[in-house]
PDB file of N, CA and C in Angstrom:
ATOM      1  N   MET A   1      59.553  91.491  71.950  1.00  0.00           N
ATOM      2  CA  MET A   1      60.941  92.480  71.770  1.00  0.00           C
ATOM      3  C   MET A   1      61.278  93.162  73.125  1.00  0.00           C
ATOM      4  N   SER A   2      62.438  93.565  73.440  1.00  0.00           N
ATOM      5  CA  SER A   2      63.037  94.268  74.664  1.00  0.00           C
ATOM      6  C   SER A   2      62.290  95.586  74.944  1.00  0.00           C
ATOM      7  N   ALA A   3      62.567  95.925  75.904  1.00  0.00           N
ATOM      8  CA  ALA A   3      62.156  97.391  76.361  1.00  0.00           C
ATOM      9  C   ALA A   3      63.000  98.324  75.594  1.00  0.00           C
ATOM     10  N   GLU A   4      62.525  99.554  75.462  1.00  0.00           N
ATOM     11  CA  GLU A   4      63.361 100.574  74.646  1.00  0.00           C
ATOM     12  C   GLU A   4      64.563 100.863  75.336  1.00  0.00           C
ATOM     13  N   MET A   5      65.683 101.589  74.620  1.00  0.00           N
ATOM     14  CA  MET A   5      66.752 102.068  75.203  1.00  0.00           C
ATOM     15  C   MET A   5      66.329 102.936  76.370  1.00  0.00           C
ATOM     16  N   GLY A   6      66.609 103.025  77.821  1.00  0.00           N
ATOM     17  CA  GLY A   6      66.475 103.835  78.958  1.00  0.00           C
ATOM     18  C   GLY A   6      65.347 103.588  79.449  1.00  0.00           C
ATOM     19  N   GLU A   7      64.422 102.659  78.932  1.00  0.00           N
ATOM     20  CA  GLU A   7      63.148 102.579  79.553  1.00  0.00           C
ATOM     21  C   GLU A   7      63.322 100.904  80.506  1.00  0.00           C
ATOM     22  N   LYS A   8      63.213 100.848  81.897  1.00  0.00           N
ATOM     23  CA  LYS A   8      63.522  99.983  82.529  1.00  0.00           C
ATOM     24  C   LYS A   8      62.365  98.973  82.579  1.00  0.00           C
ATOM     25  N   ARG A   9      62.415  97.576  82.736  1.00  0.00           N
ATOM     26  CA  ARG A   9      61.469  96.764  83.106  1.00  0.00           C
ATOM     27  C   ARG A   9      60.724  96.794  84.397  1.00  0.00           C
ATOM     28  N   ARG A  10      59.502  96.552  84.210  1.00  0.00           N
ATOM     29  CA  ARG A  10      58.770  97.081  85.517  1.00  0.00           C
ATOM     30  C   ARG A  10      58.735  95.386  86.193  1.00  0.00           C
ATOM     31  N   ARG A  11      59.007  95.413  87.440  1.00  0.00           N
ATOM     32  CA  ARG A  11      58.907  93.972  88.438  1.00  0.00           C
ATOM     33  C   ARG A  11      57.646  94.322  89.250  1.00  0.00           C
ATOM     34  N   PHE A  12      57.113  93.310  89.249  1.00  0.00           N
ATOM     35  CA  PHE A  12      55.728  93.185  90.235  1.00  0.00           C
ATOM     36  C   PHE A  12      56.050  92.313  91.291  1.00  0.00           C
ATOM     37  N   THR A  13      55.499  92.340  92.599  1.00  0.00           N
ATOM     38  CA  THR A  13      55.531  91.614  93.608  1.00  0.00           C
ATOM     39  C   THR A  13      54.749  90.549  93.436  1.00  0.00           C
ATOM     40  N   ARG A  14      54.909  89.058  94.452  1.00  0.00           N
ATOM     41  CA  ARG A  14      53.859  88.224  94.087  1.00  0.00           C
ATOM     42  C   ARG A  14      52.792  88.448  94.718  1.00  0.00           C
ATOM     43  N   GLU A  15      52.554  89.474  95.327  1.00  0.00           N
ATOM     44  CA  GLU A  15      51.281  89.784  96.031  1.00  0.00           C
ATOM     45  C   GLU A  15      50.356  90.380  95.294  1.00  0.00           C
ATOM     46  N   PHE A  16      51.221  91.373  94.362  1.00  0.00           N
ATOM     47  CA  PHE A  16      50.478  92.194  93.575  1.00  0.00           C
ATOM     48  C   PHE A  16      49.962  91.277  92.502  1.00  0.00           C
ATOM     49  N   LYS A  17      50.638  90.329  91.933  1.00  0.00           N
ATOM     50  CA  LYS A  17      50.542  89.196  90.984  1.00  0.00           C
ATOM     51  C   LYS A  17      49.377  88.541  91.270  1.00  0.00           C
ATOM     52  N   GLU A  18      48.939  88.088  92.600  1.00  0.00           N
ATOM     53  CA  GLU A  18      48.021  87.221  93.234  1.00  0.00           C
ATOM     54  C   GLU A  18      46.730  87.996  93.234  1.00  0.00           C
ATOM     55  N   GLU A  19      47.059  89.518  93.591  1.00  0.00           N
ATOM     56  CA  GLU A  19      45.860  90.244  93.774  1.00  0.00           C
ATOM     57  C   GLU A  19      45.299  90.170  92.363  1.00  0.00           C
ATOM     58  N   ALA A  20      46.065  90.480  91.451  1.00  0.00           N
ATOM     59  CA  ALA A  20      45.547  90.830  90.118  1.00  0.00           C
ATOM     60  C   ALA A  20      44.926  89.765  89.471  1.00  0.00           C
ATOM     61  N   VAL A  21      45.084  88.461  89.657  1.00  0.00           N
ATOM     62  CA  VAL A  21      44.674  87.283  89.431  1.00  0.00           C
ATOM     63  C   VAL A  21      43.373  87.157  89.853  1.00  0.00           C
ATOM     64  N   LYS A  22      43.350  87.275  91.371  1.00  0.00           N
ATOM     65  CA  LYS A  22      41.934  87.230  92.185  1.00  0.00           C
ATOM     66  C   LYS A  22      41.030  88.092  91.531  1.00  0.00           C
ATOM     67  N   LEU A  23      41.579  89.439  91.256  1.00  0.00           N
ATOM     68  CA  LEU A  23      40.619  90.448  90.763  1.00  0.00           C
ATOM     69  C   LEU A  23      39.889  90.157  89.439  1.00  0.00           C
ATOM     70  N   SER A  24      40.693  89.658  88.603  1.00  0.00           N
ATOM     71  CA  SER A  24      40.321  89.066  87.396  1.00  0.00           C
ATOM     72  C   SER A  24      39.392  87.908  87.436  1.00  0.00           C
ATOM     73  N   GLU A  25      39.364  87.016  88.354  1.00  0.00           N
ATOM     74  CA  GLU A  25      38.633  85.796  88.271  1.00  0.00           C
ATOM     75  C   GLU A  25      37.514  86.464  89.196  1.00  0.00           C
ATOM     76  N   ARG A  26      37.239  87.203  89.835  1.00  0.00           N
ATOM     77  CA  ARG A  26      36.288  87.623  90.505  1.00  0.00           C
ATOM     78  C   ARG A  26      35.227  88.889  90.058  1.00  0.00           C
ATOM     79  N   SER A  27      35.765  89.754  89.353  1.00  0.00           N
ATOM     80  CA  SER A  27      35.483  90.949  89.014  1.00  0.00           C
ATOM     81  C   SER A  27      34.430  90.450  87.646  1.00  0.00           C
ATOM     82  N   GLY A  28      33.422  91.256  87.712  1.00  0.00           N
ATOM     83  CA  GLY A  28      32.667  91.269  86.222  1.00  0.00           C
ATOM     84  C   GLY A  28      32.846  91.570  85.177  1.00  0.00           C
ATOM     85  N   THR A  29      34.195  92.349  85.291  1.00  0.00           N
ATOM     86  CA  THR A  29      34.675  92.772  83.807  1.00  0.00           C
ATOM     87  C   THR A  29      35.781  91.919  82.910  1.00  0.00           C
ATOM     88  N   THR A  30      35.906  91.968  81.985  1.00  0.00           N
ATOM     89  CA  THR A  30      36.849  91.412  81.025  1.00  0.00           C
ATOM     90  C   THR A  30      38.405  91.165  81.562  1.00  0.00           C
ATOM     91  N   ILE A  31      39.288  90.285  81.385  1.00  0.00           N
ATOM     92  CA  ILE A  31      40.494  90.596  81.484  1.00  0.00           C
ATOM     93  C   ILE A  31      41.301  91.552  80.993  1.00  0.00           C
ATOM     94  N   ARG A  32      40.959  92.037  79.769  1.00  0.00           N
ATOM     95  CA  ARG A  32      41.371  93.377  79.154  1.00  0.00           C
ATOM     96  C   ARG A  32      41.296  94.619  80.136  1.00  0.00           C
ATOM     97  N   GLN A  33      40.316  94.591  80.645  1.00  0.00           N
ATOM     98  CA  GLN A  33      39.612  95.976  81.414  1.00  0.00           C
ATOM     99  C   GLN A  33      40.307  95.799  82.658  1.00  0.00           C
ATOM    100  N   VAL A  34      40.415  94.642  83.180  1.00  0.00           N
ATOM    101  CA  VAL A  34      40.987  94.643  84.656  1.00  0.00           C
ATOM    102  C   VAL A  34      42.766  94.977  84.286  1.00  0.00           C
ATOM    103  N   ALA A  35      43.153  94.373  83.067  1.00  0.00           N
ATOM    104  CA  ALA A  35      44.640  94.738  82.884  1.00  0.00           C
ATOM    105  C   ALA A  35      44.796  96.128  82.588  1.00  0.00           C
ATOM    106  N   ALA A  36      44.180  96.955  82.028  1.00  0.00           N
ATOM    107  CA  ALA A  36      43.884  98.085  81.791  1.00  0.00           C
ATOM    108  C   ALA A  36      44.031  99.118  83.034  1.00  0.00           C
ATOM    109  N   ASP A  37      43.155  98.657  83.777  1.00  0.00           N
ATOM    110  CA  ASP A  37      42.727  99.323  85.391  1.00  0.00           C
ATOM    111  C   ASP A  37      44.165  99.080  86.021  1.00  0.00           C
ATOM    112  N   LEU A  38      44.594  98.034  85.859  1.00  0.00           N
ATOM    113  CA  LEU A  38      45.956  97.898  86.786  1.00  0.00           C
ATOM    114  C   LEU A  38      47.412  98.590  86.082  1.00  0.00           C
ATOM    115  N   GLY A  39      47.164  98.906  84.982  1.00  0.00           N
ATOM    116  CA  GLY A  39      48.124  99.429  84.103  1.00  0.00           C
ATOM    117  C   GLY A  39      49.071  98.639  83.780  1.00  0.00           C
ATOM    118  N   ILE A  40      48.764  97.407  83.312  1.00  0.00           N
ATOM    119  CA  ILE A  40      49.526  96.123  83.147  1.00  0.00           C
ATOM    120  C   ILE A  40      49.295  95.704  81.672  1.00  0.00           C
ATOM    121  N   HIS A  41      50.007  94.868  80.700  1.00  0.00           N
ATOM    122  CA  HIS A  41      49.777  94.338  79.661  1.00  0.00           C
ATOM    123  C   HIS A  41      48.927  93.027  79.852  1.00  0.00           C
ATOM    124  N   GLU A  42      47.684  93.142  78.868  1.00  0.00           N
ATOM    125  CA  GLU A  42      46.712  91.684  78.938  1.00  0.00           C
ATOM    126  C   GLU A  42      47.577  90.543  79.099  1.00  0.00           C
ATOM    127  N   LYS A  43      48.753  90.486  78.098  1.00  0.00           N
ATOM    128  CA  LYS A  43      49.140  89.269  78.118  1.00  0.00           C
ATOM    129  C   LYS A  43      49.939  88.730  79.424  1.00  0.00           C
ATOM    130  N   ALA A  44      50.256  89.898  80.281  1.00  0.00           N
ATOM    131  CA  ALA A  44      51.053  89.295  81.279  1.00  0.00           C
ATOM    132  C   ALA A  44      50.020  88.765  82.432  1.00  0.00           C
ATOM    133  N   LEU A  45      48.739  89.612  82.460  1.00  0.00           N
ATOM    134  CA  LEU A  45      47.702  89.044  83.271  1.00  0.00           C
ATOM    135  C   LEU A  45      47.068  87.317  82.862  1.00  0.00           C
ATOM    136  N   HIS A  46      47.085  87.454  81.607  1.00  0.00           N
ATOM    137  CA  HIS A  46      46.850  85.823  80.813  1.00  0.00           C
ATOM    138  C   HIS A  46      47.882  84.939  81.599  1.00  0.00           C
ATOM    139  N   ARG A  47      49.149  85.339  81.478  1.00  0.00           N
ATOM    140  CA  ARG A  47      50.072  84.432  81.826  1.00  0.00           C
ATOM    141  C   ARG A  47      50.165  84.209  83.464  1.00  0.00           C
ATOM    142  N   TRP A  48      50.026  85.338  84.274  1.00  0.00           N
ATOM    143  CA  TRP A  48      49.705  85.211  85.559  1.00  0.00           C
ATOM    144  C   TRP A  48      48.744  84.409  86.033  1.00  0.00           C
ATOM    145  N   ARG A  49      47.605  84.103  85.460  1.00  0.00           N
ATOM    146  CA  ARG A  49      46.583  83.651  85.651  1.00  0.00           C
ATOM    147  C   ARG A  49      46.853  82.065  85.444  1.00  0.00           C
ATOM    148  N   ARG A  50      47.461  81.908  84.193  1.00  0.00           N
ATOM    149  CA  ARG A  50      47.885  80.437  84.113  1.00  0.00           C
ATOM    150  C   ARG A  50      48.823  79.670  85.187  1.00  0.00           C
ATOM    151  N   GLU A  51      50.006  80.708  85.309  1.00  0.00           N
ATOM    152  CA  GLU A  51      51.006  80.299  86.331  1.00  0.00           C
ATOM    153  C   GLU A  51      50.337  80.075  87.725  1.00  0.00           C
ATOM    154  N   TYR A  52      49.280  80.788  88.015  1.00  0.00           N
ATOM    155  CA  TYR A  52      48.441  80.677  89.132  1.00  0.00           C
ATOM    156  C   TYR A  52      47.975  79.293  89.365  1.00  0.00           C
ATOM    157  N   ARG A  53      46.929  78.917  88.349  1.00  0.00           N
ATOM    158  CA  ARG A  53      46.268  77.723  88.381  1.00  0.00           C
ATOM    159  C   ARG A  53      47.420  76.759  88.443  1.00  0.00           C
ATOM    160  N   HIS A  54      48.669  76.879  87.543  1.00  0.00           N
ATOM    161  CA  HIS A  54      49.305  75.655  87.420  1.00  0.00           C
ATOM    162  C   HIS A  54      50.189  75.682  89.007  1.00  0.00           C
ATOM    163  N   SER A  55      50.138  76.622  89.930  1.00  0.00           N
ATOM    164  CA  SER A  55      50.971  76.300  90.978  1.00  0.00           C
ATOM    165  C   SER A  55      49.933  75.638  92.098  1.00  0.00           C
ATOM    166  N   HIS A  56      48.704  76.056  91.832  1.00  0.00           N
ATOM    167  CA  HIS A  56      47.849  75.152  92.821  1.00  0.00           C
ATOM    168  C   HIS A  56      47.617  73.567  92.304  1.00  0.00           C
ATOM    169  N   LYS A  57      47.832  73.354  91.287  1.00  0.00           N
ATOM    170  CA  LYS A  57      47.843  71.928  90.817  1.00  0.00           C
ATOM    171  C   LYS A  57      49.452  71.391  91.155  1.00  0.00           C
ATOM    172  N   THR A  58      49.958  71.768  90.851  1.00  0.00           N
ATOM    173  CA  THR A  58      51.494  71.264  91.354  1.00  0.00           C
ATOM    174  C   THR A  58      52.241  71.272  92.728  1.00  0.00           C
ATOM    175  N   GLY A  59      51.674  72.369  93.649  1.00  0.00           N
ATOM    176  CA  GLY A  59      52.166  72.644  94.702  1.00  0.00           C
ATOM    177  C   GLY A  59      53.400  73.714  94.759  1.00  0.00           C
ATOM    178  N   VAL A  60      53.649  74.058  93.694  1.00  0.00           N
ATOM    179  CA  VAL A  60      54.910  74.902  93.632  1.00  0.00           C
ATOM    180  C   VAL A  60      54.474  76.071  94.091  1.00  0.00           C
ATOM    181  N   ARG A  61      55.250  76.922  94.540  1.00  0.00           N
ATOM    182  CA  ARG A  61      54.514  78.604  95.067  1.00  0.00           C
ATOM    183  C   ARG A  61      54.400  79.233  93.725  1.00  0.00           C
ATOM    184  N   PHE A  62      53.536  80.139  93.701  1.00  0.00           N
ATOM    185  CA  PHE A  62      52.857  80.558  92.796  1.00  0.00           C
ATOM    186  C   PHE A  62      54.018  82.030  92.753  1.00  0.00           C
ATOM    187  N   ALA A  63      54.756  82.587  91.487  1.00  0.00           N
ATOM    188  CA  ALA A  63      55.397  83.506  91.218  1.00  0.00           C
ATOM    189  C   ALA A  63      56.867  83.256  92.090  1.00  0.00           C
ATOM    190  N   PRO A  64      57.385  82.400  92.250  1.00  0.00           N
ATOM    191  CA  PRO A  64      58.564  82.242  93.276  1.00  0.00           C
ATOM    192  C   PRO A  64      59.685  83.332  92.698  1.00  0.00           C
ATOM    193  N   GLY A  65      59.872  83.745  91.553  1.00  0.00           N
ATOM    194  CA  GLY A  65      60.953  84.829  91.412  1.00  0.00           C
ATOM    195  C   GLY A  65      60.389  85.875  90.030  1.00  0.00           C
ATOM    196  N   ASN A  66      61.282  85.792  89.154  1.00  0.00           N
ATOM    197  CA  ASN A  66      60.689  86.989  88.206  1.00  0.00           C
ATOM    198  C   ASN A  66      60.175  86.288  86.913  1.00  0.00           C
ATOM    199  N   GLY A  67      59.603  84.948  87.180  1.00  0.00           N
ATOM    200  CA  GLY A  67      58.833  84.190  86.356  1.00  0.00           C
ATOM    201  C   GLY A  67      59.962  83.148  85.525  1.00  0.00           C
ATOM    202  N   HIS A  68      61.503  82.897  86.143  1.00  0.00           N
ATOM    203  CA  HIS A  68      62.252  82.322  85.212  1.00  0.00           C
ATOM    204  C   HIS A  68      61.995  80.708  85.555  1.00  0.00           C
ATOM    205  N   ALA A  69      62.166  79.778  84.514  1.00  0.00           N
ATOM    206  CA  ALA A  69      61.751  78.444  84.722  1.00  0.00           C
ATOM    207  C   ALA A  69      63.039  77.842  86.049  1.00  0.00           C
ATOM    208  N   ARG A  70      64.234  78.646  85.959  1.00  0.00           N
ATOM    209  CA  ARG A  70      64.810  78.226  87.095  1.00  0.00           C
ATOM    210  C   ARG A  70      64.418  78.599  88.538  1.00  0.00           C
ATOM    211  N   ASP A  71      63.624  79.712  88.463  1.00  0.00           N
ATOM    212  CA  ASP A  71      63.076  79.585  89.976  1.00  0.00           C
ATOM    213  C   ASP A  71      62.003  78.820  90.457  1.00  0.00           C
ATOM    214  N   ALA A  72      61.220  78.182  89.604  1.00  0.00           N
ATOM    215  CA  ALA A  72      60.859  77.183  89.843  1.00  0.00           C
ATOM    216  C   ALA A  72      61.315  75.863  90.033  1.00  0.00           C
ATOM    217  N   GLU A  73      62.502  75.719  89.374  1.00  0.00           N
ATOM    218  CA  GLU A  73      63.283  74.254  89.736  1.00  0.00           C
ATOM    219  C   GLU A  73      63.619  74.481  90.921  1.00  0.00           C
ATOM    220  N   LEU A  74      64.370  75.824  91.526  1.00  0.00           N
ATOM    221  CA  LEU A  74      64.950  75.919  92.730  1.00  0.00           C
ATOM    222  C   LEU A  74      64.061  75.894  93.827  1.00  0.00           C
ATOM    223  N   GLU A  75      62.882  76.237  93.622  1.00  0.00           N
ATOM    224  CA  GLU A  75      62.082  76.015  94.532  1.00  0.00           C
ATOM    225  C   GLU A  75      61.402  74.446  94.863  1.00  0.00           C
ATOM    226  N   ARG A  76      61.520  73.664  93.759  1.00  0.00           N
ATOM    227  CA  ARG A  76      61.069  72.377  93.762  1.00  0.00           C
ATOM    228  C   ARG A  76      62.337  71.659  94.408  1.00  0.00           C
ATOM    229  N   LEU A  77      63.652  71.961  93.948  1.00  0.00           N
ATOM    230  CA  LEU A  77      64.925  71.281  94.825  1.00  0.00           C
ATOM    231  C   LEU A  77      64.781  71.683  96.308  1.00  0.00           C
ATOM    232  N   LYS A  78      64.573  73.145  96.931  1.00  0.00           N
ATOM    233  CA  LYS A  78      64.597  73.430  98.098  1.00  0.00           C
ATOM    234  C   LYS A  78      63.504  72.182  98.866  1.00  0.00           C
ATOM    235  N   LYS A  79      62.298  72.060  98.334  1.00  0.00           N
ATOM    236  CA  LYS A  79      61.577  71.068  98.908  1.00  0.00           C
ATOM    237  C   LYS A  79      62.045  69.846  99.082  1.00  0.00           C
ATOM    238  N   GLU A  80      62.720  69.202  98.052  1.00  0.00           N
ATOM    239  CA  GLU A  80      63.328  67.913  98.052  1.00  0.00           C
ATOM    240  C   GLU A  80      64.345  67.827  99.150  1.00  0.00           C
ATOM    241  N   ASN A  81      65.401  68.999  99.093  1.00  0.00           N
ATOM    242  CA  ASN A  81      66.419  69.116 100.026  1.00  0.00           C
ATOM    243  C   ASN A  81      65.630  68.934 101.583  1.00  0.00           C
ATOM    244  N   GLU A  82      64.944  69.689 101.917  1.00  0.00           N
ATOM    245  CA  GLU A  82      64.195  69.523 103.342  1.00  0.00           C
ATOM    246  C   GLU A  82      63.786  68.148 103.736  1.00  0.00           C
ATOM    247  N   LEU A  83      63.146  67.563 102.333  1.00  0.00           N
ATOM    248  CA  LEU A  83      62.426  66.171 102.736  1.00  0.00           C
ATOM    249  C   LEU A  83      63.897  65.321 102.972  1.00  0.00           C
ATOM    250  N   LEU A  84      64.837  65.517 102.187  1.00  0.00           N
ATOM    251  CA  LEU A  84      66.099  64.526 102.273  1.00  0.00           C
ATOM    252  C   LEU A  84      66.595  64.939 103.771  1.00  0.00           C
ATOM    253  N   ARG A  85      66.769  66.292 104.390  1.00  0.00           N
ATOM    254  CA  ARG A  85      67.232  66.390 105.633  1.00  0.00           C
ATOM    255  C   ARG A  85      66.503  65.733 106.519  1.00  0.00           C
ATOM    256  N   GLN A  86      65.202  65.735 106.636  1.00  0.00           N
ATOM    257  CA  GLN A  86      64.120  65.294 107.587  1.00  0.00           C
ATOM    258  C   GLN A  86      64.428  63.602 107.649  1.00  0.00           C
ATOM    259  N   GLU A  87      64.704  63.093 106.572  1.00  0.00           N
ATOM    260  CA  GLU A  87      64.842  61.809 106.233  1.00  0.00           C
ATOM    261  C   GLU A  87      66.153  61.262 107.062  1.00  0.00           C
ATOM    262  N   ARG A  88      67.510  61.999 106.866  1.00  0.00           N
ATOM    263  CA  ARG A  88      68.450  61.757 107.210  1.00  0.00           C
ATOM    264  C   ARG A  88      68.474  61.795 108.692  1.00  0.00           C
ATOM    265  N   ASP A  89      67.558  62.590 109.246  1.00  0.00           N
ATOM    266  CA  ASP A  89      67.694  63.060 110.709  1.00  0.00           C
ATOM    267  C   ASP A  89      66.978  61.703 111.378  1.00  0.00           C
ATOM    268  N   ILE A  90      65.716  61.498 110.819  1.00  0.00           N
ATOM    269  CA  ILE A  90      65.273  60.203 111.117  1.00  0.00           C
ATOM    270  C   ILE A  90      65.984  59.054 111.233  1.00  0.00           C
ATOM    271  N   LEU A  91      66.947  58.716 110.162  1.00  0.00           N
ATOM    272  CA  LEU A  91      67.803  57.497 109.926  1.00  0.00           C
ATOM    273  C   LEU A  91      68.949  57.632 111.121  1.00  0.00           C
ATOM    274  N   LYS A  92      69.334  58.921 111.502  1.00  0.00           N
ATOM    275  CA  LYS A  92      70.276  59.108 112.521  1.00  0.00           C
ATOM    276  C   LYS A  92      69.901  58.859 113.748  1.00  0.00           C
ATOM    277  N   LYS A  93      68.681  59.296 114.048  1.00  0.00           N
ATOM    278  CA  LYS A  93      68.175  58.702 115.476  1.00  0.00           C
ATOM    279  C   LYS A  93      67.770  57.223 115.570  1.00  0.00           C
ATOM    280  N   ALA A  94      67.475  56.507 114.594  1.00  0.00           N
ATOM    281  CA  ALA A  94      67.389  55.489 114.266  1.00  0.00           C
ATOM    282  C   ALA A  94      68.694  54.446 114.632  1.00  0.00           C
ATOM    283  N   ALA A  95      69.567  54.814 113.977  1.00  0.00           N
ATOM    284  CA  ALA A  95      70.753  54.332 114.021  1.00  0.00           C
ATOM    285  C   ALA A  95      71.255  54.415 115.786  1.00  0.00           C
ATOM    286  N   ALA A  96      70.887  56.148 116.058  1.00  0.00           N
ATOM    287  CA  ALA A  96      71.564  55.848 117.565  1.00  0.00           C
ATOM    288  C   ALA A  96      70.693  54.800 118.586  1.00  0.00           C
ATOM    289  N   TYR A  97      69.486  54.845 118.248  1.00  0.00           N
ATOM    290  CA  TYR A  97      68.699  54.120 119.194  1.00  0.00           C
ATOM    291  C   TYR A  97      68.900  52.496 118.977  1.00  0.00           C
ATOM    292  N   PHE A  98      69.232  51.952 117.659  1.00  0.00           N
ATOM    293  CA  PHE A  98      69.656  50.615 117.609  1.00  0.00           C
ATOM    294  C   PHE A  98      71.256  50.474 118.098  1.00  0.00           C
ATOM    295  N   ALA A  99      71.890  51.100 118.232  1.00  0.00           N
ATOM    296  CA  ALA A  99      73.249  51.290 118.580  1.00  0.00           C
ATOM    297  C   ALA A  99      73.442  51.034 120.160  1.00  0.00           C
ATOM    298  N   GLN A 100      72.399  51.544 120.911  1.00  0.00           N
ATOM    299  CA  GLN A 100      72.257  51.726 122.395  1.00  0.00           C
ATOM    300  C   GLN A 100      71.594  49.924 122.716  1.00  0.00           C
ATOM    301  N   HIS A 101      70.368  49.759 121.804  1.00  0.00           N
ATOM    302  CA  HIS A 101      70.027  48.442 122.447  1.00  0.00           C
ATOM    303  C   HIS A 101      70.418  47.146 121.935  1.00  0.00           C
ATOM    304  N   THR A 102      71.818  47.232 121.224  1.00  0.00           N
ATOM    305  CA  THR A 102      72.134  45.943 120.605  1.00  0.00           C
ATOM    306  C   THR A 102      73.283  45.660 121.527  1.00  0.00           C
ATOM    307  N   ARG A 103      73.888  46.186 122.617  1.00  0.00           N
ATOM    308  CA  ARG A 103      74.689  45.930 123.290  1.00  0.00           C
ATOM    309  C   ARG A 103      74.477  45.189 124.574  1.00  0.00           C
TER     310      ARG A 103
END
């Protein structure tokens, strides 16, 4: 359910989320206790842990935005775009090379 009227939704930086995940993994306390100590909801910490593990498996940057699926898609498209630029530049150089050497 949404936040009550007048209450703003809290936003956390990627660094905070990453440190919270690492703390929950290495501390000897429960996730519930780590979440309480940090003043966050336990479900949020569980979600961040799941996203953190997924990011390491897939290579997608952890917490790229506000947790929206479009942010992950944007990150993937940026990587693909960079790869395509590199391929284009290589082909341009190859075309220039062959144009000079076929005369």
